[in-house]
Protein backbone atom coordinates (compact mmCIF):
# COMPACT_ATOMS: atom_id res chain seq x y z
CA UNK A 1 6.19 -12.31 4.23
CA UNK A 2 2.63 -11.76 5.37
CA UNK A 3 0.93 -8.35 5.42
CA UNK A 4 -2.70 -7.28 5.79
CA UNK A 5 -4.18 -5.19 2.98
CA UNK A 6 -7.69 -3.79 3.39
CA UNK A 7 -8.40 -6.38 6.08
CA UNK A 8 -7.20 -9.39 4.07
CA UNK A 9 -3.99 -11.34 4.65
CA UNK A 10 -1.64 -11.31 1.72
CA UNK A 11 1.75 -12.89 1.09
CA UNK A 12 4.54 -11.11 -0.75
CA UNK A 13 7.85 -12.74 -1.69
CA UNK A 14 10.18 -9.83 -1.07
CA UNK A 15 10.57 -6.62 0.86
CA UNK A 16 9.10 -3.77 -1.13
CA UNK A 17 8.22 -0.16 -0.50
CA UNK A 18 4.64 1.02 -0.45
CA UNK A 19 5.20 2.58 -3.89
CA UNK A 20 6.61 -0.68 -5.28
CA UNK A 21 3.70 -2.62 -3.78
CA UNK A 22 1.16 -0.36 -5.52
CA UNK A 23 3.02 -0.78 -8.79
CA UNK A 24 3.07 -4.58 -8.42
CA UNK A 25 -0.70 -4.50 -7.96
CA UNK A 26 -1.21 -2.29 -11.00
CA UNK A 27 -2.57 0.61 -8.96
CA UNK A 28 -2.10 4.21 -10.08
CA UNK A 29 -0.36 6.06 -7.24
CA UNK A 30 -1.90 9.32 -8.43
CA UNK A 31 -5.36 7.95 -7.67
CA UNK A 32 -4.75 6.41 -4.24
CA UNK A 33 -4.45 7.19 -0.56
CA UNK A 34 -2.52 4.84 1.73
CA UNK A 35 -2.75 4.23 5.45
CA UNK A 36 0.21 2.26 6.87
CA UNK A 37 -0.17 0.81 10.37
CA UNK A 38 -3.04 3.21 11.14
CA UNK A 39 -1.23 6.35 9.90
CA UNK A 40 -2.03 8.13 6.64
CA UNK A 41 1.20 8.37 4.66
CA UNK A 42 2.08 11.26 2.33
CA UNK A 43 2.77 10.19 -1.26
CA UNK A 44 6.28 11.63 -1.01
CA UNK A 45 7.10 9.03 1.67
CA UNK A 46 5.75 5.92 -0.12
CA UNK A 47 9.13 5.08 -1.69
CA UNK A 48 10.90 5.28 1.69
CA UNK A 49 8.65 2.96 3.71
CA UNK A 50 9.61 -0.69 3.30
CA UNK A 51 6.86 -3.15 4.20
CA UNK A 52 7.60 -5.57 7.03
CA UNK A 53 6.01 -8.75 8.38
CA UNK A 54 2.49 -8.10 9.74
CA UNK A 55 2.29 -4.52 8.47
CA UNK A 56 -1.21 -3.28 7.81
CA UNK A 57 -2.19 -1.26 4.77
CA UNK A 58 -5.45 0.36 3.83
CA UNK A 59 -5.46 1.43 0.20
CA UNK A 60 -8.25 3.68 -1.05
CA UNK A 61 -8.57 4.29 -4.78
CA UNK A 62 -10.37 7.21 -6.34
CA UNK A 63 -12.68 6.23 -9.18
CA UNK A 64 -14.26 8.74 -11.54
CA UNK A 65 -17.77 8.53 -12.81
CA UNK A 66 -21.15 9.97 -12.35
């Protein structure tokens, strides 16, 4: 299945939720914000939204430092 993540096409083998996708990519869900098909999604909903063909994600990660 093909999705678009941060403007780049990506292929995933199976249907996964947004939360599962972040986990597969090694991203800490406590340090991220996700936009799904142009709508910001609350963290509580990430496990309920299953990614589909041609979905678009924007994933922003918070990085500490100074």
